[in-house]
Amino acid sequence: MIFGDWIEYTKQVLNFAGHGYVYFCPIYIPQKKIDKAEQIDKKIIEKYPMCEWGKDKKYRAKKMGMANFIYLRWNTNGIIMHTAGNVPEVKDPDRWNHLDRVAYELPIGPWIKIKIGKARTGKKYTAYLTKESYRNIKALLCENIAHRRWDEFIKHYHRLENLPAFSGMLTQMNGLYRSCLGEIKRYKGKITLEKLTLKKVF
């Protein structure tokens, strides 16, 4: 499954994780090889043909104690995921992680990197900004507040409304709102700050 949008890609990773596809192997294609992405897709499917099995075949495989597989890709980022069960032997076996123990990290751009992992409350898995991305964004906003660059602060703050409203990001943005509110009061800013409204995803 190939996606043209990182939000849809993230939604599907979360969807499959919620249906038991909790073992994963990340695929990162170098930008200089993006023109060969379809060839790389083909090689992965040849290695794991189970990724293209239909519902009936996957149901029978599960009954037999076999793992089911899926392959997803957006741009230069891909992921192979599988459920619990017997994994067939393949040439050059991959290293698998479990989402309960290791978060899947996805670079979105120069400033934004997200991770998909266990949710603190509610749904089992969600998407967050990585700690580094969150800290960098917070530092930029607080610096603008400290120097009373209110127009710059507001511009960067509201750009964050382009982020999707995954539960992990909502929690982070609420925390960012409280931090910024405290800094504005500290520097006696004369602006009114409202909570961010992120893009609906479900």
C-alpha atoms as a PDB file:
ATOM      1  CA  MET A   1       0.000   0.000   0.000  1.00  0.00           C
ATOM      2  CA  ILE A   2       1.540   3.272  -1.166  1.00  0.00           C
ATOM      3  CA  PHE A   3       0.415   6.662   0.216  1.00  0.00           C
ATOM      4  CA  GLY A   4       0.925  10.185  -1.092  1.00  0.00           C
ATOM      5  CA  ASP A   5       0.269  11.794   2.298  1.00  0.00           C
ATOM      6  CA  TRP A   6       2.120  11.195   5.565  1.00  0.00           C
ATOM      7  CA  ILE A   7      -1.005  11.623   7.672  1.00  0.00           C
ATOM      8  CA  GLU A   8      -2.852   8.849   5.808  1.00  0.00           C
ATOM      9  CA  TYR A   9       0.258   6.703   6.062  1.00  0.00           C
ATOM     10  CA  THR A  10       0.415   7.256   9.830  1.00  0.00           C
ATOM     11  CA  LYS A  11      -3.296   6.487  10.173  1.00  0.00           C
ATOM     12  CA  GLN A  12      -2.829   3.152   8.425  1.00  0.00           C
ATOM     13  CA  VAL A  13       0.219   2.229  10.519  1.00  0.00           C
ATOM     14  CA  LEU A  14      -1.894   2.909  13.611  1.00  0.00           C
ATOM     15  CA  ASN A  15      -4.841   1.029  12.135  1.00  0.00           C
ATOM     16  CA  PHE A  16      -2.813  -2.105  11.469  1.00  0.00           C
ATOM     17  CA  ALA A  17      -1.063  -1.840  14.840  1.00  0.00           C
ATOM     18  CA  GLY A  18      -4.496  -1.758  16.468  1.00  0.00           C
ATOM     19  CA  HIS A  19      -5.366  -4.967  14.601  1.00  0.00           C
ATOM     20  CA  GLY A  20      -2.365  -6.855  15.932  1.00  0.00           C
ATOM     21  CA  TYR A  21       0.366  -5.935  13.458  1.00  0.00           C
ATOM     22  CA  VAL A  22       2.713  -4.973  16.280  1.00  0.00           C
ATOM     23  CA  TYR A  23       6.007  -6.317  14.954  1.00  0.00           C
ATOM     24  CA  PHE A  24       7.688  -3.977  12.512  1.00  0.00           C
ATOM     25  CA  CYS A  25      10.753  -3.431  10.370  1.00  0.00           C
ATOM     26  CA  PRO A  26      11.296   0.167   9.162  1.00  0.00           C
ATOM     27  CA  ILE A  27      12.377   0.841   5.586  1.00  0.00           C
ATOM     28  CA  TYR A  28      14.214   4.091   4.821  1.00  0.00           C
ATOM     29  CA  ILE A  29      14.954   4.769   1.151  1.00  0.00           C
ATOM     30  CA  PRO A  30      17.736   7.317   0.508  1.00  0.00           C
ATOM     31  CA  GLN A  31      16.406  10.398  -1.295  1.00  0.00           C
ATOM     32  CA  LYS A  32      18.856   9.797  -4.149  1.00  0.00           C
ATOM     33  CA  LYS A  33      17.171   6.409  -4.747  1.00  0.00           C
ATOM     34  CA  ILE A  34      13.571   7.644  -4.700  1.00  0.00           C
ATOM     35  CA  ASP A  35      13.307   6.965  -8.446  1.00  0.00           C
ATOM     36  CA  LYS A  36      13.911   3.291  -7.615  1.00  0.00           C
ATOM     37  CA  ALA A  37      11.248   3.150  -4.906  1.00  0.00           C
ATOM     38  CA  GLU A  38       8.902   0.966  -6.981  1.00  0.00           C
ATOM     39  CA  GLN A  39      11.714  -1.517  -7.614  1.00  0.00           C
ATOM     40  CA  ILE A  40      12.384  -1.614  -3.863  1.00  0.00           C
ATOM     41  CA  ASP A  41       8.640  -2.173  -3.241  1.00  0.00           C
ATOM     42  CA  LYS A  42       8.715  -5.093  -5.664  1.00  0.00           C
ATOM     43  CA  LYS A  43      11.721  -6.686  -3.958  1.00  0.00           C
ATOM     44  CA  ILE A  44      10.045  -6.423  -0.566  1.00  0.00           C
ATOM     45  CA  ILE A  45       6.857  -8.039  -1.890  1.00  0.00           C
ATOM     46  CA  GLU A  46       8.908 -10.798  -3.519  1.00  0.00           C
ATOM     47  CA  LYS A  47      10.575 -11.396  -0.157  1.00  0.00           C
ATOM     48  CA  TYR A  48       7.279 -11.246   1.760  1.00  0.00           C
ATOM     49  CA  PRO A  49       4.515 -12.228  -0.703  1.00  0.00           C
ATOM     50  CA  MET A  50       2.217 -12.647   2.314  1.00  0.00           C
ATOM     51  CA  CYS A  51       1.891  -8.830   2.296  1.00  0.00           C
ATOM     52  CA  GLU A  52      -0.481  -9.113  -0.662  1.00  0.00           C
ATOM     53  CA  TRP A  53      -2.648 -11.937   0.637  1.00  0.00           C
ATOM     54  CA  GLY A  54      -6.392 -11.286   0.707  1.00  0.00           C
ATOM     55  CA  LYS A  55      -8.625 -11.478   3.782  1.00  0.00           C
ATOM     56  CA  ASP A  56      -9.532 -15.154   3.292  1.00  0.00           C
ATOM     57  CA  LYS A  57      -5.939 -16.292   2.934  1.00  0.00           C
ATOM     58  CA  LYS A  58      -4.890 -14.221   5.943  1.00  0.00           C
ATOM     59  CA  TYR A  59      -7.740 -15.708   7.973  1.00  0.00           C
ATOM     60  CA  ARG A  60      -6.621 -19.241   7.089  1.00  0.00           C
ATOM     61  CA  ALA A  61      -3.001 -18.374   7.876  1.00  0.00           C
ATOM     62  CA  LYS A  62      -4.008 -17.075  11.300  1.00  0.00           C
ATOM     63  CA  LYS A  63      -5.950 -20.282  12.007  1.00  0.00           C
ATOM     64  CA  MET A  64      -2.781 -22.225  11.190  1.00  0.00           C
ATOM     65  CA  GLY A  65      -0.728 -20.169  13.621  1.00  0.00           C
ATOM     66  CA  MET A  66       1.097 -18.181  10.948  1.00  0.00           C
ATOM     67  CA  ALA A  67       1.897 -14.471  11.118  1.00  0.00           C
ATOM     68  CA  ASN A  68       0.179 -12.104   8.683  1.00  0.00           C
ATOM     69  CA  PHE A  69       2.144  -9.350   6.968  1.00  0.00           C
ATOM     70  CA  ILE A  70       1.555  -5.896   5.462  1.00  0.00           C
ATOM     71  CA  TYR A  71       3.834  -3.440   3.666  1.00  0.00           C
ATOM     72  CA  LEU A  72       3.140   0.311   3.668  1.00  0.00           C
ATOM     73  CA  ARG A  73       5.130   3.178   2.166  1.00  0.00           C
ATOM     74  CA  TRP A  74       5.001   6.967   1.990  1.00  0.00           C
ATOM     75  CA  ASN A  75       7.673   8.748  -0.044  1.00  0.00           C
ATOM     76  CA  THR A  76      11.054   7.449   1.192  1.00  0.00           C
ATOM     77  CA  ASN A  77       9.617   5.852   4.347  1.00  0.00           C
ATOM     78  CA  GLY A  78       8.192   2.384   4.489  1.00  0.00           C
ATOM     79  CA  ILE A  79       7.330  -0.211   7.074  1.00  0.00           C
ATOM     80  CA  ILE A  80       6.794  -3.979   7.040  1.00  0.00           C
ATOM     81  CA  MET A  81       4.474  -5.111   9.841  1.00  0.00           C
ATOM     82  CA  HIS A  82       3.326  -8.522  10.991  1.00  0.00           C
ATOM     83  CA  THR A  83       1.123 -10.097  13.613  1.00  0.00           C
ATOM     84  CA  ALA A  84       2.070 -12.667  16.225  1.00  0.00           C
ATOM     85  CA  GLY A  85       2.582 -16.150  14.795  1.00  0.00           C
ATOM     86  CA  ASN A  86       5.089 -18.291  12.964  1.00  0.00           C
ATOM     87  CA  VAL A  87       7.282 -16.239  10.617  1.00  0.00           C
ATOM     88  CA  PRO A  88       8.535 -18.048   7.497  1.00  0.00           C
ATOM     89  CA  GLU A  89      12.257 -18.304   6.919  1.00  0.00           C
ATOM     90  CA  VAL A  90      13.536 -15.865   4.303  1.00  0.00           C
ATOM     91  CA  LYS A  91      16.912 -15.111   2.786  1.00  0.00           C
ATOM     92  CA  ASP A  92      18.637 -12.226   4.620  1.00  0.00           C
ATOM     93  CA  PRO A  93      16.122 -12.114   7.504  1.00  0.00           C
ATOM     94  CA  ASP A  94      15.175  -8.682   8.807  1.00  0.00           C
ATOM     95  CA  ARG A  95      15.376  -7.407  12.356  1.00  0.00           C
ATOM     96  CA  TRP A  96      11.933  -6.969  13.918  1.00  0.00           C
ATOM     97  CA  ASN A  97      10.907  -4.618  16.720  1.00  0.00           C
ATOM     98  CA  HIS A  98       7.745  -4.640  18.819  1.00  0.00           C
ATOM     99  CA  LEU A  99       5.756  -1.393  19.114  1.00  0.00           C
ATOM    100  CA  ASP A 100       5.278  -1.991  22.835  1.00  0.00           C
ATOM    101  CA  ARG A 101       9.041  -1.736  23.323  1.00  0.00           C
ATOM    102  CA  VAL A 102      10.396   0.395  20.471  1.00  0.00           C
ATOM    103  CA  ALA A 103       8.600   3.353  18.850  1.00  0.00           C
ATOM    104  CA  TYR A 104       8.582   3.668  15.067  1.00  0.00           C
ATOM    105  CA  GLU A 105      10.096   7.021  14.092  1.00  0.00           C
ATOM    106  CA  LEU A 106       9.045   8.854  10.947  1.00  0.00           C
ATOM    107  CA  PRO A 107      10.815  12.000   9.664  1.00  0.00           C
ATOM    108  CA  ILE A 108       8.316  14.442   8.147  1.00  0.00           C
ATOM    109  CA  GLY A 109      10.557  17.387   7.319  1.00  0.00           C
ATOM    110  CA  PRO A 110      13.548  19.352   8.616  1.00  0.00           C
ATOM    111  CA  TRP A 111      11.682  20.394  11.791  1.00  0.00           C
ATOM    112  CA  ILE A 112       9.224  17.594  12.380  1.00  0.00           C
ATOM    113  CA  LYS A 113       9.819  13.965  13.269  1.00  0.00           C
ATOM    114  CA  ILE A 114       7.099  11.813  14.762  1.00  0.00           C
ATOM    115  CA  LYS A 115       7.059   8.520  16.569  1.00  0.00           C
ATOM    116  CA  ILE A 116       4.373   5.859  16.705  1.00  0.00           C
ATOM    117  CA  GLY A 117       4.222   3.865  19.892  1.00  0.00           C
ATOM    118  CA  LYS A 118       2.237   3.006  22.997  1.00  0.00           C
ATOM    119  CA  ALA A 119      -0.370   5.521  24.104  1.00  0.00           C
ATOM    120  CA  ARG A 120      -0.325   6.665  27.697  1.00  0.00           C
ATOM    121  CA  THR A 121      -4.113   6.434  27.962  1.00  0.00           C
ATOM    122  CA  GLY A 122      -7.038   5.387  25.780  1.00  0.00           C
ATOM    123  CA  LYS A 123      -6.069   3.815  22.470  1.00  0.00           C
ATOM    124  CA  LYS A 124      -3.232   1.327  22.607  1.00  0.00           C
ATOM    125  CA  TYR A 125      -1.053   3.123  20.052  1.00  0.00           C
ATOM    126  CA  THR A 126      -0.806   6.723  18.939  1.00  0.00           C
ATOM    127  CA  ALA A 127       1.485   9.236  17.223  1.00  0.00           C
ATOM    128  CA  TYR A 128       3.606  11.830  18.993  1.00  0.00           C
ATOM    129  CA  LEU A 129       6.241  14.364  18.077  1.00  0.00           C
ATOM    130  CA  THR A 130       9.643  12.985  19.073  1.00  0.00           C
ATOM    131  CA  LYS A 131      11.154  14.593  22.187  1.00  0.00           C
ATOM    132  CA  GLU A 132      13.725  16.402  20.044  1.00  0.00           C
ATOM    133  CA  SER A 133      11.085  17.864  17.705  1.00  0.00           C
ATOM    134  CA  TYR A 134       8.866  18.919  20.599  1.00  0.00           C
ATOM    135  CA  ARG A 135      11.752  20.574  22.456  1.00  0.00           C
ATOM    136  CA  ASN A 136      12.949  22.407  19.341  1.00  0.00           C
ATOM    137  CA  ILE A 137       9.460  23.781  18.656  1.00  0.00           C
ATOM    138  CA  LYS A 138       8.992  24.799  22.289  1.00  0.00           C
ATOM    139  CA  ALA A 139      12.415  26.512  22.343  1.00  0.00           C
ATOM    140  CA  LEU A 140      11.597  28.488  19.180  1.00  0.00           C
ATOM    141  CA  LEU A 141       8.269  29.683  20.568  1.00  0.00           C
ATOM    142  CA  CYS A 142       9.695  30.583  23.962  1.00  0.00           C
ATOM    143  CA  GLU A 143      12.585  32.471  22.344  1.00  0.00           C
ATOM    144  CA  ASN A 144      10.137  34.595  20.356  1.00  0.00           C
ATOM    145  CA  ILE A 145       8.161  35.288  23.517  1.00  0.00           C
ATOM    146  CA  ALA A 146      11.296  36.222  25.477  1.00  0.00           C
ATOM    147  CA  HIS A 147      12.303  38.707  22.768  1.00  0.00           C
ATOM    148  CA  ARG A 148       8.700  39.912  22.444  1.00  0.00           C
ATOM    149  CA  ARG A 149       8.558  39.029  18.766  1.00  0.00           C
ATOM    150  CA  TRP A 150       4.810  38.545  18.986  1.00  0.00           C
ATOM    151  CA  ASP A 151       4.076  38.366  15.244  1.00  0.00           C
ATOM    152  CA  GLU A 152       6.729  35.674  14.766  1.00  0.00           C
ATOM    153  CA  PHE A 153       5.465  33.784  17.802  1.00  0.00           C
ATOM    154  CA  ILE A 154       1.854  33.784  16.581  1.00  0.00           C
ATOM    155  CA  LYS A 155       2.901  32.734  13.064  1.00  0.00           C
ATOM    156  CA  HIS A 156       4.907  29.727  14.267  1.00  0.00           C
ATOM    157  CA  TYR A 157       2.351  28.819  16.942  1.00  0.00           C
ATOM    158  CA  HIS A 158      -0.566  28.617  14.522  1.00  0.00           C
ATOM    159  CA  ARG A 159       1.439  26.694  11.935  1.00  0.00           C
ATOM    160  CA  LEU A 160       1.195  23.810  14.373  1.00  0.00           C
ATOM    161  CA  GLU A 161      -2.516  23.558  13.540  1.00  0.00           C
ATOM    162  CA  ASN A 162      -1.411  21.704  10.394  1.00  0.00           C
ATOM    163  CA  LEU A 163      -0.529  18.761  12.638  1.00  0.00           C
ATOM    164  CA  PRO A 164      -3.044  15.891  12.831  1.00  0.00           C
ATOM    165  CA  ALA A 165      -5.097  15.394  15.983  1.00  0.00           C
ATOM    166  CA  PHE A 166      -3.687  12.044  17.064  1.00  0.00           C
ATOM    167  CA  SER A 167      -4.161  11.669  20.816  1.00  0.00           C
ATOM    168  CA  GLY A 168      -0.431  11.830  21.544  1.00  0.00           C
ATOM    169  CA  MET A 169      -0.056  15.087  19.620  1.00  0.00           C
ATOM    170  CA  LEU A 170      -3.137  16.577  21.256  1.00  0.00           C
ATOM    171  CA  THR A 171      -1.590  15.933  24.668  1.00  0.00           C
ATOM    172  CA  GLN A 172       1.676  17.520  23.563  1.00  0.00           C
ATOM    173  CA  MET A 173      -0.015  20.591  22.064  1.00  0.00           C
ATOM    174  CA  ASN A 174      -2.046  21.124  25.235  1.00  0.00           C
ATOM    175  CA  GLY A 175       1.202  21.036  27.194  1.00  0.00           C
ATOM    176  CA  LEU A 176       2.783  23.475  24.750  1.00  0.00           C
ATOM    177  CA  TYR A 177      -0.185  25.831  25.131  1.00  0.00           C
ATOM    178  CA  ARG A 178       0.211  25.858  28.912  1.00  0.00           C
ATOM    179  CA  SER A 179       3.966  26.466  28.643  1.00  0.00           C
ATOM    180  CA  CYS A 180       3.520  29.344  26.200  1.00  0.00           C
ATOM    181  CA  LEU A 181       0.760  30.848  28.319  1.00  0.00           C
ATOM    182  CA  GLY A 182       3.070  30.822  31.320  1.00  0.00           C
ATOM    183  CA  GLU A 183       5.889  32.455  29.331  1.00  0.00           C
ATOM    184  CA  ILE A 184       3.566  35.169  27.978  1.00  0.00           C
ATOM    185  CA  LYS A 185       2.510  36.036  31.536  1.00  0.00           C
ATOM    186  CA  ARG A 186       6.135  36.008  32.637  1.00  0.00           C
ATOM    187  CA  TYR A 187       7.099  38.542  29.979  1.00  0.00           C
ATOM    188  CA  LYS A 188       3.891  40.529  30.453  1.00  0.00           C
ATOM    189  CA  GLY A 189       2.677  39.953  26.904  1.00  0.00           C
ATOM    190  CA  LYS A 190      -0.495  41.714  25.828  1.00  0.00           C
ATOM    191  CA  ILE A 191      -1.771  38.926  23.560  1.00  0.00           C
ATOM    192  CA  THR A 192      -4.563  36.430  24.050  1.00  0.00           C
ATOM    193  CA  LEU A 193      -3.561  32.828  23.412  1.00  0.00           C
ATOM    194  CA  GLU A 194      -6.012  30.091  22.507  1.00  0.00           C
ATOM    195  CA  LYS A 195      -5.530  26.342  22.398  1.00  0.00           C
ATOM    196  CA  LEU A 196      -4.511  24.935  19.043  1.00  0.00           C
ATOM    197  CA  THR A 197      -7.105  23.190  16.890  1.00  0.00           C
ATOM    198  CA  LEU A 198      -5.399  20.317  15.103  1.00  0.00           C
ATOM    199  CA  LYS A 199      -6.608  18.618  11.917  1.00  0.00           C
ATOM    200  CA  LYS A 200      -9.224  15.905  12.388  1.00  0.00           C
ATOM    201  CA  VAL A 201      -7.919  12.489  11.413  1.00  0.00           C
ATOM    202  CA  PHE A 202     -10.751  10.051  12.185  1.00  0.00           C
END
